Amino acid sequence: MNFSSSESETASVYLPAPAAFQTEMIVGQVFRQDVLGDIRKGWNGFVESGQIWALLAGIVVGYMLKSITSSH
C-alpha cells in the first residue's frame, strides 16, 4: 500500500477544555435594593387598606377568647 504523506498524517482533534479551565461571563439583572423603602411601602399599604383595624380587632377578640377559655 502506498500512502501519501497527507493520508498518513493523523488529524488533530480539538477537544473542548475542561470546565475548570473555561471562563464564562454570567450577566444578571441589577436590582435597586431598597429594603427599608419596600417595608415602608408595604406598611403604608397595610394601613391605608384598613387591614390594621382587622389585625387589632383580631388581637382583642383573641385575647378575650383566651381569657374566657383558660382555667386559672
N, C-alpha and C. Protein backbone atom coordinates (compact mmCIF):
# COMPACT_ATOMS: atom_id res chain seq x y z
N MET A 1 0.84 -1.17 0.00
CA MET A 1 0.00 0.00 0.00
C MET A 1 0.89 1.23 0.00
N ASN A 2 0.53 2.10 -0.82
CA ASN A 2 1.30 3.31 -0.94
C ASN A 2 0.46 4.48 -0.43
N PHE A 3 0.86 5.01 0.70
CA PHE A 3 0.13 6.14 1.28
C PHE A 3 0.91 7.41 1.03
N SER A 4 0.23 8.41 0.65
CA SER A 4 0.90 9.70 0.52
C SER A 4 1.07 10.31 1.91
N SER A 5 1.89 11.30 1.99
CA SER A 5 2.17 11.88 3.31
C SER A 5 0.93 12.54 3.91
N SER A 6 0.03 13.06 3.08
CA SER A 6 -1.15 13.71 3.61
C SER A 6 -2.14 12.70 4.18
N GLU A 7 -2.15 11.48 3.61
CA GLU A 7 -3.07 10.48 4.11
C GLU A 7 -2.57 9.83 5.39
N SER A 8 -1.28 9.75 5.58
CA SER A 8 -0.75 9.07 6.75
C SER A 8 -0.67 9.97 7.97
N GLU A 9 -0.85 11.27 7.78
CA GLU A 9 -0.80 12.17 8.93
C GLU A 9 -2.07 11.99 9.75
N THR A 10 -1.92 12.06 11.04
CA THR A 10 -3.10 11.96 11.90
C THR A 10 -3.73 13.33 12.04
N ALA A 11 -5.01 13.36 12.02
CA ALA A 11 -5.71 14.63 12.16
C ALA A 11 -5.77 15.00 13.63
N SER A 12 -5.48 16.23 13.90
CA SER A 12 -5.58 16.68 15.29
C SER A 12 -7.03 17.10 15.56
N VAL A 13 -7.50 16.69 16.69
CA VAL A 13 -8.88 16.98 17.06
C VAL A 13 -8.85 17.95 18.24
N TYR A 14 -9.61 19.01 18.11
CA TYR A 14 -9.68 19.98 19.20
C TYR A 14 -10.81 19.60 20.13
N LEU A 15 -10.47 19.26 21.34
CA LEU A 15 -11.46 18.90 22.34
C LEU A 15 -11.78 20.14 23.17
N PRO A 16 -12.99 20.24 23.63
CA PRO A 16 -13.30 21.39 24.49
C PRO A 16 -12.52 21.29 25.80
N ALA A 17 -12.17 22.43 26.32
CA ALA A 17 -11.42 22.48 27.57
C ALA A 17 -12.30 22.01 28.72
N PRO A 18 -11.71 21.42 29.75
CA PRO A 18 -12.50 21.04 30.92
C PRO A 18 -13.16 22.27 31.55
N ALA A 19 -14.21 22.02 32.28
CA ALA A 19 -14.98 23.12 32.86
C ALA A 19 -14.13 23.99 33.78
N ALA A 20 -13.12 23.42 34.40
CA ALA A 20 -12.29 24.19 35.31
C ALA A 20 -11.49 25.26 34.57
N PHE A 21 -11.24 25.06 33.29
CA PHE A 21 -10.44 25.99 32.54
C PHE A 21 -11.27 26.95 31.70
N GLN A 22 -12.56 26.76 31.68
CA GLN A 22 -13.42 27.63 30.89
C GLN A 22 -13.83 28.82 31.74
N THR A 23 -13.86 29.95 31.14
CA THR A 23 -14.34 31.14 31.83
C THR A 23 -15.54 31.66 31.07
N GLU A 24 -16.60 31.88 31.78
CA GLU A 24 -17.81 32.41 31.16
C GLU A 24 -18.25 33.61 31.97
N MET A 25 -18.78 34.58 31.29
CA MET A 25 -19.29 35.75 31.98
C MET A 25 -20.79 35.56 32.16
N ILE A 26 -21.22 35.62 33.38
CA ILE A 26 -22.63 35.49 33.68
C ILE A 26 -23.15 36.89 33.98
N VAL A 27 -24.10 37.30 33.19
CA VAL A 27 -24.64 38.64 33.32
C VAL A 27 -26.04 38.51 33.90
N GLY A 28 -26.28 39.20 34.98
CA GLY A 28 -27.59 39.18 35.60
C GLY A 28 -28.19 40.56 35.60
N GLN A 29 -29.39 40.63 36.06
CA GLN A 29 -30.04 41.92 36.15
C GLN A 29 -29.61 42.61 37.43
N VAL A 30 -29.53 43.90 37.36
CA VAL A 30 -29.18 44.70 38.53
C VAL A 30 -30.49 45.24 39.10
N PHE A 31 -30.70 44.98 40.37
CA PHE A 31 -31.92 45.45 41.01
C PHE A 31 -31.59 46.57 41.98
N ARG A 32 -32.50 47.48 42.11
CA ARG A 32 -32.36 48.56 43.08
C ARG A 32 -32.75 47.98 44.44
N GLN A 33 -31.81 47.91 45.34
CA GLN A 33 -32.05 47.31 46.64
C GLN A 33 -32.39 48.40 47.65
N ASP A 34 -33.65 48.55 47.95
CA ASP A 34 -34.10 49.50 48.96
C ASP A 34 -35.06 48.74 49.88
N VAL A 35 -34.47 47.94 50.77
CA VAL A 35 -35.27 47.05 51.61
C VAL A 35 -36.16 47.86 52.54
N LEU A 36 -35.61 48.86 53.19
CA LEU A 36 -36.42 49.66 54.13
C LEU A 36 -37.52 50.42 53.40
N GLY A 37 -37.23 50.88 52.19
CA GLY A 37 -38.27 51.55 51.40
C GLY A 37 -39.39 50.60 51.03
N ASP A 38 -39.04 49.35 50.70
CA ASP A 38 -40.06 48.35 50.38
C ASP A 38 -40.90 48.01 51.61
N ILE A 39 -40.27 47.93 52.79
CA ILE A 39 -41.02 47.66 54.02
C ILE A 39 -41.96 48.82 54.31
N ARG A 40 -41.48 50.05 54.11
CA ARG A 40 -42.32 51.23 54.35
C ARG A 40 -43.52 51.24 53.41
N LYS A 41 -43.30 50.89 52.13
CA LYS A 41 -44.42 50.85 51.17
C LYS A 41 -45.44 49.79 51.58
N GLY A 42 -44.95 48.64 52.02
CA GLY A 42 -45.85 47.57 52.46
C GLY A 42 -46.65 47.96 53.68
N TRP A 43 -46.00 48.61 54.64
CA TRP A 43 -46.69 49.05 55.86
C TRP A 43 -47.74 50.11 55.53
N ASN A 44 -47.37 51.07 54.67
CA ASN A 44 -48.33 52.11 54.29
C ASN A 44 -49.54 51.51 53.58
N GLY A 45 -49.33 50.55 52.72
CA GLY A 45 -50.45 49.87 52.06
C GLY A 45 -51.31 49.10 53.05
N PHE A 46 -50.65 48.50 54.06
CA PHE A 46 -51.36 47.76 55.11
C PHE A 46 -52.28 48.70 55.90
N VAL A 47 -51.78 49.87 56.22
CA VAL A 47 -52.56 50.84 56.99
C VAL A 47 -53.66 51.46 56.12
N GLU A 48 -53.31 51.85 54.89
CA GLU A 48 -54.29 52.52 54.02
C GLU A 48 -55.44 51.60 53.63
N SER A 49 -55.19 50.31 53.54
CA SER A 49 -56.26 49.39 53.14
C SER A 49 -57.19 49.03 54.30
N GLY A 50 -56.84 49.43 55.50
CA GLY A 50 -57.69 49.15 56.65
C GLY A 50 -57.41 47.81 57.31
N GLN A 51 -56.41 47.10 56.85
CA GLN A 51 -56.10 45.81 57.45
C GLN A 51 -55.55 45.94 58.86
N ILE A 52 -55.03 47.11 59.18
CA ILE A 52 -54.52 47.33 60.54
C ILE A 52 -55.66 47.18 61.55
N TRP A 53 -56.86 47.63 61.18
CA TRP A 53 -58.00 47.52 62.10
C TRP A 53 -58.43 46.06 62.26
N ALA A 54 -58.35 45.31 61.21
CA ALA A 54 -58.67 43.88 61.32
C ALA A 54 -57.65 43.18 62.21
N LEU A 55 -56.39 43.57 62.12
CA LEU A 55 -55.35 42.98 62.98
C LEU A 55 -55.62 43.32 64.44
N LEU A 56 -55.91 44.58 64.72
CA LEU A 56 -56.17 44.98 66.10
C LEU A 56 -57.43 44.31 66.66
N ALA A 57 -58.49 44.23 65.86
CA ALA A 57 -59.71 43.56 66.31
C ALA A 57 -59.43 42.08 66.57
N GLY A 58 -58.64 41.44 65.72
CA GLY A 58 -58.30 40.03 65.92
C GLY A 58 -57.50 39.81 67.19
N ILE A 59 -56.59 40.74 67.50
CA ILE A 59 -55.82 40.62 68.74
C ILE A 59 -56.73 40.74 69.95
N VAL A 60 -57.64 41.72 69.92
CA VAL A 60 -58.54 41.93 71.06
C VAL A 60 -59.49 40.74 71.23
N VAL A 61 -60.09 40.28 70.15
CA VAL A 61 -61.02 39.16 70.24
C VAL A 61 -60.28 37.89 70.66
N GLY A 62 -59.09 37.69 70.14
CA GLY A 62 -58.30 36.52 70.52
C GLY A 62 -57.93 36.53 71.98
N TYR A 63 -57.55 37.70 72.48
CA TYR A 63 -57.21 37.81 73.91
C TYR A 63 -58.44 37.54 74.78
N MET A 64 -59.61 38.05 74.35
CA MET A 64 -60.83 37.84 75.11
C MET A 64 -61.19 36.34 75.13
N LEU A 65 -61.08 35.67 73.97
CA LEU A 65 -61.39 34.23 73.92
C LEU A 65 -60.39 33.44 74.75
N LYS A 66 -59.14 33.84 74.76
CA LYS A 66 -58.14 33.14 75.55
C LYS A 66 -58.45 33.27 77.04
N SER A 67 -58.84 34.45 77.46
CA SER A 67 -59.11 34.63 78.87
C SER A 67 -60.41 33.95 79.28
N ILE A 68 -61.36 33.79 78.38
CA ILE A 68 -62.60 33.08 78.71
C ILE A 68 -62.34 31.57 78.82
N THR A 69 -61.55 31.05 77.89
CA THR A 69 -61.37 29.59 77.84
C THR A 69 -60.24 29.08 78.73
N SER A 70 -59.41 29.96 79.23
CA SER A 70 -58.30 29.48 80.06
C SER A 70 -58.79 29.23 81.48
N SER A 71 -58.24 28.21 82.11
CA SER A 71 -58.61 27.94 83.50
C SER A 71 -57.50 28.43 84.40
N HIS A 72 -57.88 28.97 85.53
CA HIS A 72 -56.90 29.51 86.47
C HIS A 72 -56.49 28.49 87.47
